């Protein structure tokens, strides 16, 4: 579940703030590395808040740091990361992220939803 939460948070942010078109865009993001450390359980089904931070955005890649929180708590129940590479949809070769996407990545110092 944690990886699904993290993936949903990243994609939601990129679609809403970065203009990423998952269905028809020329550029897509591929996760090339990920990890998660679990500190305490979260109940499922139940509410969860996911925090997102974009670290080290490069020309064609970015590392996201994420946290899974029980609502209203300060300490993460789990923390993880994704490394994503932006690629051409057809060739799957790395490309520079579009300017609107890069601006969105520069803005997300920490977003919790």
PDB file of N, CA and C in Angstrom:
ATOM      1  N   UNK A   1       0.810  -1.204   0.000  1.00  0.00           N
ATOM      2  CA  UNK A   1       0.000   0.000   0.000  1.00  0.00           C
ATOM      3  C   UNK A   1       0.853   1.267   0.000  1.00  0.00           C
ATOM      4  N   UNK A   2       1.954   1.244   0.749  1.00  0.00           N
ATOM      5  CA  UNK A   2       2.770   2.457   0.867  1.00  0.00           C
ATOM      6  C   UNK A   2       3.281   2.925  -0.494  1.00  0.00           C
ATOM      7  N   UNK A   3       3.744   1.988  -1.318  1.00  0.00           N
ATOM      8  CA  UNK A   3       4.233   2.372  -2.635  1.00  0.00           C
ATOM      9  C   UNK A   3       3.103   2.941  -3.500  1.00  0.00           C
ATOM     10  N   UNK A   4       1.910   2.386  -3.378  1.00  0.00           N
ATOM     11  CA  UNK A   4       0.764   2.913  -4.126  1.00  0.00           C
ATOM     12  C   UNK A   4       0.437   4.328  -3.662  1.00  0.00           C
ATOM     13  N   UNK A   5       0.465   4.558  -2.349  1.00  0.00           N
ATOM     14  CA  UNK A   5       0.224   5.912  -1.830  1.00  0.00           C
ATOM     15  C   UNK A   5       1.271   6.886  -2.368  1.00  0.00           C
ATOM     16  N   UNK A   6       2.539   6.473  -2.321  1.00  0.00           N
ATOM     17  CA  UNK A   6       3.624   7.349  -2.773  1.00  0.00           C
ATOM     18  C   UNK A   6       3.478   7.658  -4.266  1.00  0.00           C
ATOM     19  N   UNK A   7       3.221   6.624  -5.058  1.00  0.00           N
ATOM     20  CA  UNK A   7       3.081   6.814  -6.502  1.00  0.00           C
ATOM     21  C   UNK A   7       1.902   7.728  -6.820  1.00  0.00           C
ATOM     22  N   UNK A   8       0.801   7.553  -6.107  1.00  0.00           N
ATOM     23  CA  UNK A   8      -0.372   8.397  -6.314  1.00  0.00           C
ATOM     24  C   UNK A   8      -0.061   9.848  -5.968  1.00  0.00           C
ATOM     25  N   UNK A   9       0.656  10.075  -4.885  1.00  0.00           N
ATOM     26  CA  UNK A   9       0.995  11.450  -4.478  1.00  0.00           C
ATOM     27  C   UNK A   9       1.869  12.121  -5.534  1.00  0.00           C
ATOM     28  N   UNK A  10       2.911  11.419  -5.996  1.00  0.00           N
ATOM     29  CA  UNK A  10       3.806  11.999  -7.007  1.00  0.00           C
ATOM     30  C   UNK A  10       3.030  12.322  -8.275  1.00  0.00           C
ATOM     31  N   UNK A  11       2.259  11.366  -8.777  1.00  0.00           N
ATOM     32  CA  UNK A  11       1.535  11.599 -10.026  1.00  0.00           C
ATOM     33  C   UNK A  11       0.466  12.668  -9.888  1.00  0.00           C
ATOM     34  N   UNK A  12      -0.230  12.697  -8.764  1.00  0.00           N
ATOM     35  CA  UNK A  12      -1.230  13.738  -8.547  1.00  0.00           C
ATOM     36  C   UNK A  12      -0.578  15.111  -8.574  1.00  0.00           C
ATOM     37  N   UNK A  13       0.557  15.248  -7.896  1.00  0.00           N
ATOM     38  CA  UNK A  13       1.255  16.527  -7.890  1.00  0.00           C
ATOM     39  C   UNK A  13       1.704  16.907  -9.304  1.00  0.00           C
ATOM     40  N   UNK A  14       2.292  15.963 -10.026  1.00  0.00           N
ATOM     41  CA  UNK A  14       2.806  16.272 -11.365  1.00  0.00           C
ATOM     42  C   UNK A  14       1.689  16.638 -12.340  1.00  0.00           C
ATOM     43  N   UNK A  15       0.545  15.982 -12.224  1.00  0.00           N
ATOM     44  CA  UNK A  15      -0.583  16.290 -13.101  1.00  0.00           C
ATOM     45  C   UNK A  15      -1.173  17.653 -12.734  1.00  0.00           C
ATOM     46  N   UNK A  16      -1.447  17.867 -11.436  1.00  0.00           N
ATOM     47  CA  UNK A  16      -2.110  19.104 -11.007  1.00  0.00           C
ATOM     48  C   UNK A  16      -1.213  20.324 -11.077  1.00  0.00           C
ATOM     49  N   UNK A  17       0.035  20.195 -10.715  1.00  0.00           N
ATOM     50  CA  UNK A  17       0.934  21.353 -10.616  1.00  0.00           C
ATOM     51  C   UNK A  17       1.931  21.445 -11.765  1.00  0.00           C
ATOM     52  N   UNK A  18       2.271  20.316 -12.376  1.00  0.00           N
ATOM     53  CA  UNK A  18       3.313  20.311 -13.391  1.00  0.00           C
ATOM     54  C   UNK A  18       2.834  20.103 -14.809  1.00  0.00           C
ATOM     55  N   UNK A  19       1.517  19.961 -14.980  1.00  0.00           N
ATOM     56  CA  UNK A  19       0.983  19.820 -16.323  1.00  0.00           C
ATOM     57  C   UNK A  19       1.296  18.501 -17.001  1.00  0.00           C
ATOM     58  N   UNK A  20       1.672  17.474 -16.245  1.00  0.00           N
ATOM     59  CA  UNK A  20       1.995  16.182 -16.841  1.00  0.00           C
ATOM     60  C   UNK A  20       0.724  15.532 -17.379  1.00  0.00           C
ATOM     61  N   UNK A  21       0.755  15.117 -18.633  1.00  0.00           N
ATOM     62  CA  UNK A  21      -0.372  14.450 -19.280  1.00  0.00           C
ATOM     63  C   UNK A  21      -0.051  12.962 -19.344  1.00  0.00           C
ATOM     64  N   UNK A  22      -0.598  12.197 -18.398  1.00  0.00           N
ATOM     65  CA  UNK A  22      -0.270  10.773 -18.310  1.00  0.00           C
ATOM     66  C   UNK A  22      -0.791   9.974 -19.501  1.00  0.00           C
ATOM     67  N   UNK A  23      -1.895  10.400 -20.081  1.00  0.00           N
ATOM     68  CA  UNK A  23      -2.508   9.637 -21.166  1.00  0.00           C
ATOM     69  C   UNK A  23      -1.893   9.922 -22.534  1.00  0.00           C
ATOM     70  N   UNK A  24      -1.601  11.194 -22.824  1.00  0.00           N
ATOM     71  CA  UNK A  24      -1.200  11.550 -24.185  1.00  0.00           C
ATOM     72  C   UNK A  24       0.049  12.406 -24.291  1.00  0.00           C
ATOM     73  N   UNK A  25       0.674  12.756 -23.172  1.00  0.00           N
ATOM     74  CA  UNK A  25       1.839  13.639 -23.225  1.00  0.00           C
ATOM     75  C   UNK A  25       3.036  13.003 -23.899  1.00  0.00           C
ATOM     76  N   UNK A  26       3.868  13.832 -24.497  1.00  0.00           N
ATOM     77  CA  UNK A  26       5.088  13.347 -25.158  1.00  0.00           C
ATOM     78  C   UNK A  26       6.127  12.887 -24.143  1.00  0.00           C
ATOM     79  N   UNK A  27       6.060  13.438 -22.922  1.00  0.00           N
ATOM     80  CA  UNK A  27       7.014  13.099 -21.859  1.00  0.00           C
ATOM     81  C   UNK A  27       6.269  12.359 -20.759  1.00  0.00           C
ATOM     82  N   UNK A  28       6.861  11.263 -20.303  1.00  0.00           N
ATOM     83  CA  UNK A  28       6.318  10.519 -19.166  1.00  0.00           C
ATOM     84  C   UNK A  28       7.439  10.307 -18.159  1.00  0.00           C
ATOM     85  N   UNK A  29       7.069   9.979 -16.939  1.00  0.00           N
ATOM     86  CA  UNK A  29       8.055   9.718 -15.904  1.00  0.00           C
ATOM     87  C   UNK A  29       8.087   8.239 -15.566  1.00  0.00           C
ATOM     88  N   UNK A  30       9.292   7.669 -15.525  1.00  0.00           N
ATOM     89  CA  UNK A  30       9.478   6.268 -15.142  1.00  0.00           C
ATOM     90  C   UNK A  30      10.213   6.212 -13.814  1.00  0.00           C
ATOM     91  N   UNK A  31       9.714   5.409 -12.898  1.00  0.00           N
ATOM     92  CA  UNK A  31      10.396   5.204 -11.620  1.00  0.00           C
ATOM     93  C   UNK A  31      11.506   4.189 -11.852  1.00  0.00           C
ATOM     94  N   UNK A  32      12.747   4.593 -11.550  1.00  0.00           N
ATOM     95  CA  UNK A  32      13.891   3.723 -11.785  1.00  0.00           C
ATOM     96  C   UNK A  32      14.508   3.198 -10.492  1.00  0.00           C
ATOM     97  N   UNK A  33      14.103   3.760  -9.367  1.00  0.00           N
ATOM     98  CA  UNK A  33      14.593   3.294  -8.074  1.00  0.00           C
ATOM     99  C   UNK A  33      13.594   3.729  -7.014  1.00  0.00           C
ATOM    100  N   UNK A  34      13.407   2.911  -5.992  1.00  0.00           N
ATOM    101  CA  UNK A  34      12.496   3.269  -4.903  1.00  0.00           C
ATOM    102  C   UNK A  34      12.895   2.538  -3.636  1.00  0.00           C
ATOM    103  N   UNK A  35      12.423   3.056  -2.529  1.00  0.00           N
ATOM    104  CA  UNK A  35      12.674   2.414  -1.246  1.00  0.00           C
ATOM    105  C   UNK A  35      11.682   2.899  -0.220  1.00  0.00           C
ATOM    106  N   UNK A  36      11.506   2.117   0.852  1.00  0.00           N
ATOM    107  CA  UNK A  36      10.583   2.488   1.911  1.00  0.00           C
ATOM    108  C   UNK A  36      11.064   1.873   3.221  1.00  0.00           C
ATOM    109  N   UNK A  37      11.035   2.675   4.289  1.00  0.00           N
ATOM    110  CA  UNK A  37      11.333   2.198   5.645  1.00  0.00           C
ATOM    111  C   UNK A  37      10.073   2.363   6.481  1.00  0.00           C
ATOM    112  N   UNK A  38       9.739   1.319   7.188  1.00  0.00           N
ATOM    113  CA  UNK A  38       8.514   1.301   7.981  1.00  0.00           C
ATOM    114  C   UNK A  38       8.865   1.496   9.448  1.00  0.00           C
ATOM    115  N   UNK A  39       8.220   2.475  10.095  1.00  0.00           N
ATOM    116  CA  UNK A  39       8.490   2.765  11.497  1.00  0.00           C
ATOM    117  C   UNK A  39       7.374   2.269  12.408  1.00  0.00           C
ATOM    118  N   UNK A  40       6.136   2.377  11.948  1.00  0.00           N
ATOM    119  CA  UNK A  40       5.001   1.916  12.749  1.00  0.00           C
ATOM    120  C   UNK A  40       3.831   1.650  11.816  1.00  0.00           C
ATOM    121  N   UNK A  41       2.890   0.839  12.256  1.00  0.00           N
ATOM    122  CA  UNK A  41       1.794   0.465  11.354  1.00  0.00           C
ATOM    123  C   UNK A  41       0.790   1.589  11.126  1.00  0.00           C
ATOM    124  N   UNK A  42       0.178   1.529   9.968  1.00  0.00           N
ATOM    125  CA  UNK A  42      -0.974   2.358   9.634  1.00  0.00           C
ATOM    126  C   UNK A  42      -2.126   1.389   9.373  1.00  0.00           C
ATOM    127  N   UNK A  43      -3.315   1.730   9.839  1.00  0.00           N
ATOM    128  CA  UNK A  43      -4.468   0.860   9.654  1.00  0.00           C
ATOM    129  C   UNK A  43      -4.991   0.966   8.225  1.00  0.00           C
ATOM    130  N   UNK A  44      -5.393  -0.160   7.670  1.00  0.00           N
ATOM    131  CA  UNK A  44      -6.016  -0.175   6.349  1.00  0.00           C
ATOM    132  C   UNK A  44      -7.294  -0.969   6.440  1.00  0.00           C
ATOM    133  N   UNK A  45      -8.431  -0.507   5.977  1.00  0.00           N
ATOM    134  CA  UNK A  45      -8.558   0.819   5.380  1.00  0.00           C
ATOM    135  C   UNK A  45      -8.572   1.894   6.455  1.00  0.00           C
ATOM    136  N   UNK A  46      -8.123   3.029   6.104  1.00  0.00           N
ATOM    137  CA  UNK A  46      -8.092   4.162   7.011  1.00  0.00           C
ATOM    138  C   UNK A  46      -7.516   5.358   6.292  1.00  0.00           C
ATOM    139  N   UNK A  47      -7.591   6.491   6.942  1.00  0.00           N
ATOM    140  CA  UNK A  47      -7.056   7.711   6.349  1.00  0.00           C
ATOM    141  C   UNK A  47      -5.545   7.768   6.534  1.00  0.00           C
ATOM    142  N   UNK A  48      -4.893   8.359   5.562  1.00  0.00           N
ATOM    143  CA  UNK A  48      -3.448   8.549   5.609  1.00  0.00           C
ATOM    144  C   UNK A  48      -3.129   9.871   4.928  1.00  0.00           C
ATOM    145  N   UNK A  49      -2.116  10.552   5.423  1.00  0.00           N
ATOM    146  CA  UNK A  49      -1.614  11.762   4.773  1.00  0.00           C
ATOM    147  C   UNK A  49      -0.232  11.435   4.221  1.00  0.00           C
ATOM    148  N   UNK A  50       0.038  11.905   3.017  1.00  0.00           N
ATOM    149  CA  UNK A  50       1.330  11.658   2.378  1.00  0.00           C
ATOM    150  C   UNK A  50       2.028  12.993   2.189  1.00  0.00           C
ATOM    151  N   UNK A  51       3.265  13.057   2.643  1.00  0.00           N
ATOM    152  CA  UNK A  51       4.088  14.242   2.441  1.00  0.00           C
ATOM    153  C   UNK A  51       5.030  14.013   1.276  1.00  0.00           C
ATOM    154  N   UNK A  52       5.282  15.051   0.503  1.00  0.00           N
ATOM    155  CA  UNK A  52       6.119  14.962  -0.695  1.00  0.00           C
ATOM    156  C   UNK A  52       7.129  16.090  -0.710  1.00  0.00           C
ATOM    157  N   UNK A  53       8.353  15.749  -1.049  1.00  0.00           N
ATOM    158  CA  UNK A  53       9.418  16.734  -1.221  1.00  0.00           C
ATOM    159  C   UNK A  53      10.228  16.323  -2.448  1.00  0.00           C
ATOM    160  N   UNK A  54      10.487  17.269  -3.336  1.00  0.00           N
ATOM    161  CA  UNK A  54      11.328  17.001  -4.504  1.00  0.00           C
ATOM    162  C   UNK A  54      12.753  17.430  -4.163  1.00  0.00           C
ATOM    163  N   UNK A  55      13.669  16.491  -4.248  1.00  0.00           N
ATOM    164  CA  UNK A  55      15.071  16.756  -3.913  1.00  0.00           C
ATOM    165  C   UNK A  55      15.925  16.567  -5.155  1.00  0.00           C
ATOM    166  N   UNK A  56      16.883  17.411  -5.320  1.00  0.00           N
ATOM    167  CA  UNK A  56      17.844  17.293  -6.417  1.00  0.00           C
ATOM    168  C   UNK A  56      17.210  17.141  -7.786  1.00  0.00           C
ATOM    169  N   UNK A  57      16.264  18.021  -8.152  1.00  0.00           N
ATOM    170  CA  UNK A  57      15.746  17.915  -9.519  1.00  0.00           C
ATOM    171  C   UNK A  57      16.860  18.186 -10.523  1.00  0.00           C
ATOM    172  N   UNK A  58      17.061  17.263 -11.439  1.00  0.00           N
ATOM    173  CA  UNK A  58      18.050  17.426 -12.499  1.00  0.00           C
ATOM    174  C   UNK A  58      17.347  17.784 -13.796  1.00  0.00           C
ATOM    175  N   UNK A  59      18.061  17.698 -14.871  1.00  0.00           N
ATOM    176  CA  UNK A  59      17.484  18.022 -16.176  1.00  0.00           C
ATOM    177  C   UNK A  59      16.415  17.019 -16.570  1.00  0.00           C
ATOM    178  N   UNK A  60      16.699  15.727 -16.373  1.00  0.00           N
ATOM    179  CA  UNK A  60      15.737  14.703 -16.784  1.00  0.00           C
ATOM    180  C   UNK A  60      15.332  13.772 -15.645  1.00  0.00           C
ATOM    181  N   UNK A  61      15.792  14.034 -14.434  1.00  0.00           N
ATOM    182  CA  UNK A  61      15.438  13.143 -13.329  1.00  0.00           C
ATOM    183  C   UNK A  61      15.218  13.939 -12.048  1.00  0.00           C
ATOM    184  N   UNK A  62      14.577  13.278 -11.090  1.00  0.00           N
ATOM    185  CA  UNK A  62      14.316  13.894  -9.796  1.00  0.00           C
ATOM    186  C   UNK A  62      14.199  12.786  -8.756  1.00  0.00           C
ATOM    187  N   UNK A  63      14.622  13.098  -7.552  1.00  0.00           N
ATOM    188  CA  UNK A  63      14.423  12.201  -6.417  1.00  0.00           C
ATOM    189  C   UNK A  63      13.357  12.828  -5.530  1.00  0.00           C
ATOM    190  N   UNK A  64      12.337  12.048  -5.221  1.00  0.00           N
ATOM    191  CA  UNK A  64      11.280  12.471  -4.316  1.00  0.00           C
ATOM    192  C   UNK A  64      11.492  11.789  -2.975  1.00  0.00           C
ATOM    193  N   UNK A  65      11.286  12.533  -1.906  1.00  0.00           N
ATOM    194  CA  UNK A  65      11.236  11.946  -0.580  1.00  0.00           C
ATOM    195  C   UNK A  65       9.803  12.053  -0.110  1.00  0.00           C
ATOM    196  N   UNK A  66       9.296  10.976   0.483  1.00  0.00           N
ATOM    197  CA  UNK A  66       7.893  10.910   0.865  1.00  0.00           C
ATOM    198  C   UNK A  66       7.750  10.373   2.280  1.00  0.00           C
ATOM    199  N   UNK A  67       6.663  10.745   2.926  1.00  0.00           N
ATOM    200  CA  UNK A  67       6.338  10.221   4.237  1.00  0.00           C
ATOM    201  C   UNK A  67       4.869   9.863   4.297  1.00  0.00           C
ATOM    202  N   UNK A  68       4.563   8.790   5.019  1.00  0.00           N
ATOM    203  CA  UNK A  68       3.177   8.375   5.252  1.00  0.00           C
ATOM    204  C   UNK A  68       2.860   8.641   6.719  1.00  0.00           C
ATOM    205  N   UNK A  69       1.818   9.409   6.966  1.00  0.00           N
ATOM    206  CA  UNK A  69       1.466   9.854   8.309  1.00  0.00           C
ATOM    207  C   UNK A  69       0.033   9.453   8.650  1.00  0.00           C
ATOM    208  N   UNK A  70      -0.203   9.071   9.899  1.00  0.00           N
ATOM    209  CA  UNK A  70      -1.570   9.004  10.386  1.00  0.00           C
ATOM    210  C   UNK A  70      -2.041  10.447  10.491  1.00  0.00           C
ATOM    211  N   UNK A  71      -3.292  10.735  10.148  1.00  0.00           N
ATOM    212  CA  UNK A  71      -3.774  12.119  10.178  1.00  0.00           C
ATOM    213  C   UNK A  71      -3.513  12.795  11.526  1.00  0.00           C
ATOM    214  N   UNK A  72      -2.997  14.017  11.439  1.00  0.00           N
ATOM    215  CA  UNK A  72      -2.762  14.822  12.633  1.00  0.00           C
ATOM    216  C   UNK A  72      -1.512  14.477  13.415  1.00  0.00           C
ATOM    217  N   UNK A  73      -0.674  13.586  12.896  1.00  0.00           N
ATOM    218  CA  UNK A  73       0.559  13.223  13.605  1.00  0.00           C
ATOM    219  C   UNK A  73       1.759  13.899  12.959  1.00  0.00           C
ATOM    220  N   UNK A  74       2.800  14.081  13.749  1.00  0.00           N
ATOM    221  CA  UNK A  74       4.009  14.748  13.257  1.00  0.00           C
ATOM    222  C   UNK A  74       5.068  13.764  12.784  1.00  0.00           C
ATOM    223  N   UNK A  75       5.055  12.563  13.314  1.00  0.00           N
ATOM    224  CA  UNK A  75       6.074  11.575  12.965  1.00  0.00           C
ATOM    225  C   UNK A  75       5.554  10.629  11.893  1.00  0.00           C
ATOM    226  N   UNK A  76       6.373  10.406  10.878  1.00  0.00           N
ATOM    227  CA  UNK A  76       5.976   9.519   9.783  1.00  0.00           C
ATOM    228  C   UNK A  76       5.926   8.071  10.259  1.00  0.00           C
ATOM    229  N   UNK A  77       4.891   7.373   9.823  1.00  0.00           N
ATOM    230  CA  UNK A  77       4.788   5.941  10.074  1.00  0.00           C
ATOM    231  C   UNK A  77       5.701   5.185   9.117  1.00  0.00           C
ATOM    232  N   UNK A  78       5.988   5.796   7.981  1.00  0.00           N
ATOM    233  CA  UNK A  78       6.911   5.232   6.996  1.00  0.00           C
ATOM    234  C   UNK A  78       7.488   6.377   6.183  1.00  0.00           C
ATOM    235  N   UNK A  79       8.715   6.210   5.742  1.00  0.00           N
ATOM    236  CA  UNK A  79       9.291   7.186   4.821  1.00  0.00           C
ATOM    237  C   UNK A  79       9.920   6.441   3.667  1.00  0.00           C
ATOM    238  N   UNK A  80       9.901   7.088   2.519  1.00  0.00           N
ATOM    239  CA  UNK A  80      10.412   6.427   1.331  1.00  0.00           C
ATOM    240  C   UNK A  80      10.941   7.418   0.323  1.00  0.00           C
ATOM    241  N   UNK A  81      11.366   6.876  -0.803  1.00  0.00           N
ATOM    242  CA  UNK A  81      11.860   7.717  -1.892  1.00  0.00           C
ATOM    243  C   UNK A  81      11.553   7.060  -3.224  1.00  0.00           C
ATOM    244  N   UNK A  82      11.447   7.881  -4.247  1.00  0.00           N
ATOM    245  CA  UNK A  82      11.330   7.467  -5.647  1.00  0.00           C
ATOM    246  C   UNK A  82      12.362   8.260  -6.423  1.00  0.00           C
ATOM    247  N   UNK A  83      13.051   7.627  -7.348  1.00  0.00           N
ATOM    248  CA  UNK A  83      13.849   8.345  -8.341  1.00  0.00           C
ATOM    249  C   UNK A  83      13.117   8.153  -9.660  1.00  0.00           C
ATOM    250  N   UNK A  84      12.804   9.276 -10.288  1.00  0.00           N
ATOM    251  CA  UNK A  84      12.034   9.251 -11.522  1.00  0.00           C
ATOM    252  C   UNK A  84      12.841   9.893 -12.634  1.00  0.00           C
ATOM    253  N   UNK A  85      12.808   9.265 -13.810  1.00  0.00           N
ATOM    254  CA  UNK A  85      13.462   9.801 -15.002  1.00  0.00           C
ATOM    255  C   UNK A  85      12.373  10.145 -16.006  1.00  0.00           C
ATOM    256  N   UNK A  86      12.450  11.349 -16.552  1.00  0.00           N
ATOM    257  CA  UNK A  86      11.506  11.764 -17.581  1.00  0.00           C
ATOM    258  C   UNK A  86      12.036  11.308 -18.930  1.00  0.00           C
ATOM    259  N   UNK A  87      11.163  10.650 -19.690  1.00  0.00           N
ATOM    260  CA  UNK A  87      11.561  10.062 -20.969  1.00  0.00           C
ATOM    261  C   UNK A  87      10.551  10.410 -22.040  1.00  0.00           C
ATOM    262  N   UNK A  88      10.994  10.313 -23.274  1.00  0.00           N
ATOM    263  CA  UNK A  88      10.101  10.434 -24.421  1.00  0.00           C
ATOM    264  C   UNK A  88       9.183   9.209 -24.421  1.00  0.00           C
ATOM    265  N   UNK A  89       7.887   9.444 -24.564  1.00  0.00           N
ATOM    266  CA  UNK A  89       6.914   8.348 -24.517  1.00  0.00           C
ATOM    267  C   UNK A  89       7.222   7.260 -25.542  1.00  0.00           C
ATOM    268  N   UNK A  90       7.625   7.634 -26.729  1.00  0.00           N
ATOM    269  CA  UNK A  90       7.845   6.659 -27.803  1.00  0.00           C
ATOM    270  C   UNK A  90       9.203   5.960 -27.711  1.00  0.00           C
ATOM    271  N   UNK A  91      10.266   6.730 -27.546  1.00  0.00           N
ATOM    272  CA  UNK A  91      11.612   6.146 -27.578  1.00  0.00           C
ATOM    273  C   UNK A  91      12.083   5.629 -26.230  1.00  0.00           C
ATOM    274  N   UNK A  92      11.462   6.116 -25.161  1.00  0.00           N
ATOM    275  CA  UNK A  92      11.858   5.778 -23.780  1.00  0.00           C
ATOM    276  C   UNK A  92      13.280   6.250 -23.461  1.00  0.00           C
ATOM    277  N   UNK A  93      13.740   7.248 -24.177  1.00  0.00           N
ATOM    278  CA  UNK A  93      15.051   7.852 -23.925  1.00  0.00           C
ATOM    279  C   UNK A  93      14.856   9.072 -23.030  1.00  0.00           C
ATOM    280  N   UNK A  94      15.794   9.323 -22.104  1.00  0.00           N
ATOM    281  CA  UNK A  94      15.676  10.483 -21.212  1.00  0.00           C
ATOM    282  C   UNK A  94      15.592  11.797 -21.989  1.00  0.00           C
ATOM    283  N   UNK A  95      14.730  12.684 -21.495  1.00  0.00           N
ATOM    284  CA  UNK A  95      14.566  14.023 -22.066  1.00  0.00           C
ATOM    285  C   UNK A  95      14.441  15.014 -20.920  1.00  0.00           C
ATOM    286  N   UNK A  96      14.675  16.263 -21.216  1.00  0.00           N
ATOM    287  CA  UNK A  96      14.472  17.314 -20.214  1.00  0.00           C
ATOM    288  C   UNK A  96      12.990  17.428 -19.909  1.00  0.00           C
ATOM    289  N   UNK A  97      12.683  17.601 -18.639  1.00  0.00           N
ATOM    290  CA  UNK A  97      11.291  17.826 -18.264  1.00  0.00           C
ATOM    291  C   UNK A  97      10.813  19.145 -18.833  1.00  0.00           C
ATOM    292  N   UNK A  98       9.549  19.230 -19.240  1.00  0.00           N
ATOM    293  CA  UNK A  98       9.009  20.493 -19.759  1.00  0.00           C
ATOM    294  C   UNK A  98       9.149  21.607 -18.710  1.00  0.00           C
ATOM    295  N   UNK A  99       9.280  22.861 -19.139  1.00  0.00           N
ATOM    296  CA  UNK A  99       9.476  23.972 -18.203  1.00  0.00           C
ATOM    297  C   UNK A  99       8.432  24.058 -17.091  1.00  0.00           C
ATOM    298  N   UNK A 100       7.149  23.841 -17.414  1.00  0.00           N
ATOM    299  CA  UNK A 100       6.112  23.931 -16.379  1.00  0.00           C
ATOM    300  C   UNK A 100       6.316  22.837 -15.326  1.00  0.00           C
ATOM    301  N   UNK A 101       6.746  21.689 -15.741  1.00  0.00           N
ATOM    302  CA  UNK A 101       7.016  20.594 -14.813  1.00  0.00           C
ATOM    303  C   UNK A 101       8.231  20.912 -13.949  1.00  0.00           C
ATOM    304  N   UNK A 102       9.253  21.448 -14.543  1.00  0.00           N
ATOM    305  CA  UNK A 102      10.465  21.789 -13.789  1.00  0.00           C
ATOM    306  C   UNK A 102      10.174  22.870 -12.748  1.00  0.00           C
ATOM    307  N   UNK A 103       9.337  23.844 -13.112  1.00  0.00           N
ATOM    308  CA  UNK A 103       8.957  24.879 -12.141  1.00  0.00           C
ATOM    309  C   UNK A 103       8.185  24.260 -10.974  1.00  0.00           C
ATOM    310  N   UNK A 104       7.307  23.324 -11.263  1.00  0.00           N
ATOM    311  CA  UNK A 104       6.540  22.657 -10.206  1.00  0.00           C
ATOM    312  C   UNK A 104       7.467  21.880  -9.273  1.00  0.00           C
ATOM    313  N   UNK A 105       8.485  21.242  -9.817  1.00  0.00           N
ATOM    314  CA  UNK A 105       9.435  20.497  -8.987  1.00  0.00           C
ATOM    315  C   UNK A 105      10.263  21.441  -8.118  1.00  0.00           C
ATOM    316  N   UNK A 106      10.611  22.589  -8.657  1.00  0.00           N
ATOM    317  CA  UNK A 106      11.373  23.564  -7.886  1.00  0.00           C
ATOM    318  C   UNK A 106      10.556  24.113  -6.709  1.00  0.00           C
ATOM    319  N   UNK A 107       9.232  24.117  -6.836  1.00  0.00           N
ATOM    320  CA  UNK A 107       8.357  24.665  -5.788  1.00  0.00           C
ATOM    321  C   UNK A 107       8.087  23.697  -4.649  1.00  0.00           C
ATOM    322  N   UNK A 108       8.166  22.404  -4.878  1.00  0.00           N
ATOM    323  CA  UNK A 108       7.706  21.457  -3.869  1.00  0.00           C
ATOM    324  C   UNK A 108       8.817  21.129  -2.861  1.00  0.00           C
ATOM    325  N   UNK A 109       9.019  22.088  -1.943  1.00  0.00           N
ATOM    326  CA  UNK A 109       9.927  21.829  -0.849  1.00  0.00           C
ATOM    327  C   UNK A 109       9.344  20.847   0.140  1.00  0.00           C
ATOM    328  N   UNK A 110       8.036  20.897   0.349  1.00  0.00           N
ATOM    329  CA  UNK A 110       7.333  19.912   1.185  1.00  0.00           C
ATOM    330  C   UNK A 110       5.850  20.176   1.021  1.00  0.00           C
ATOM    331  N   UNK A 111       5.113  19.196   0.565  1.00  0.00           N
ATOM    332  CA  UNK A 111       3.671  19.284   0.365  1.00  0.00           C
ATOM    333  C   UNK A 111       3.051  18.074   1.044  1.00  0.00           C
ATOM    334  N   UNK A 112       2.084  18.320   1.928  1.00  0.00           N
ATOM    335  CA  UNK A 112       1.463  17.214   2.660  1.00  0.00           C
ATOM    336  C   UNK A 112      -0.038  17.240   2.421  1.00  0.00           C
ATOM    337  N   UNK A 113      -0.553  16.111   1.943  1.00  0.00           N
ATOM    338  CA  UNK A 113      -2.004  15.985   1.671  1.00  0.00           C
ATOM    339  C   UNK A 113      -2.512  14.706   2.289  1.00  0.00           C
TER     340      UNK A 113
END
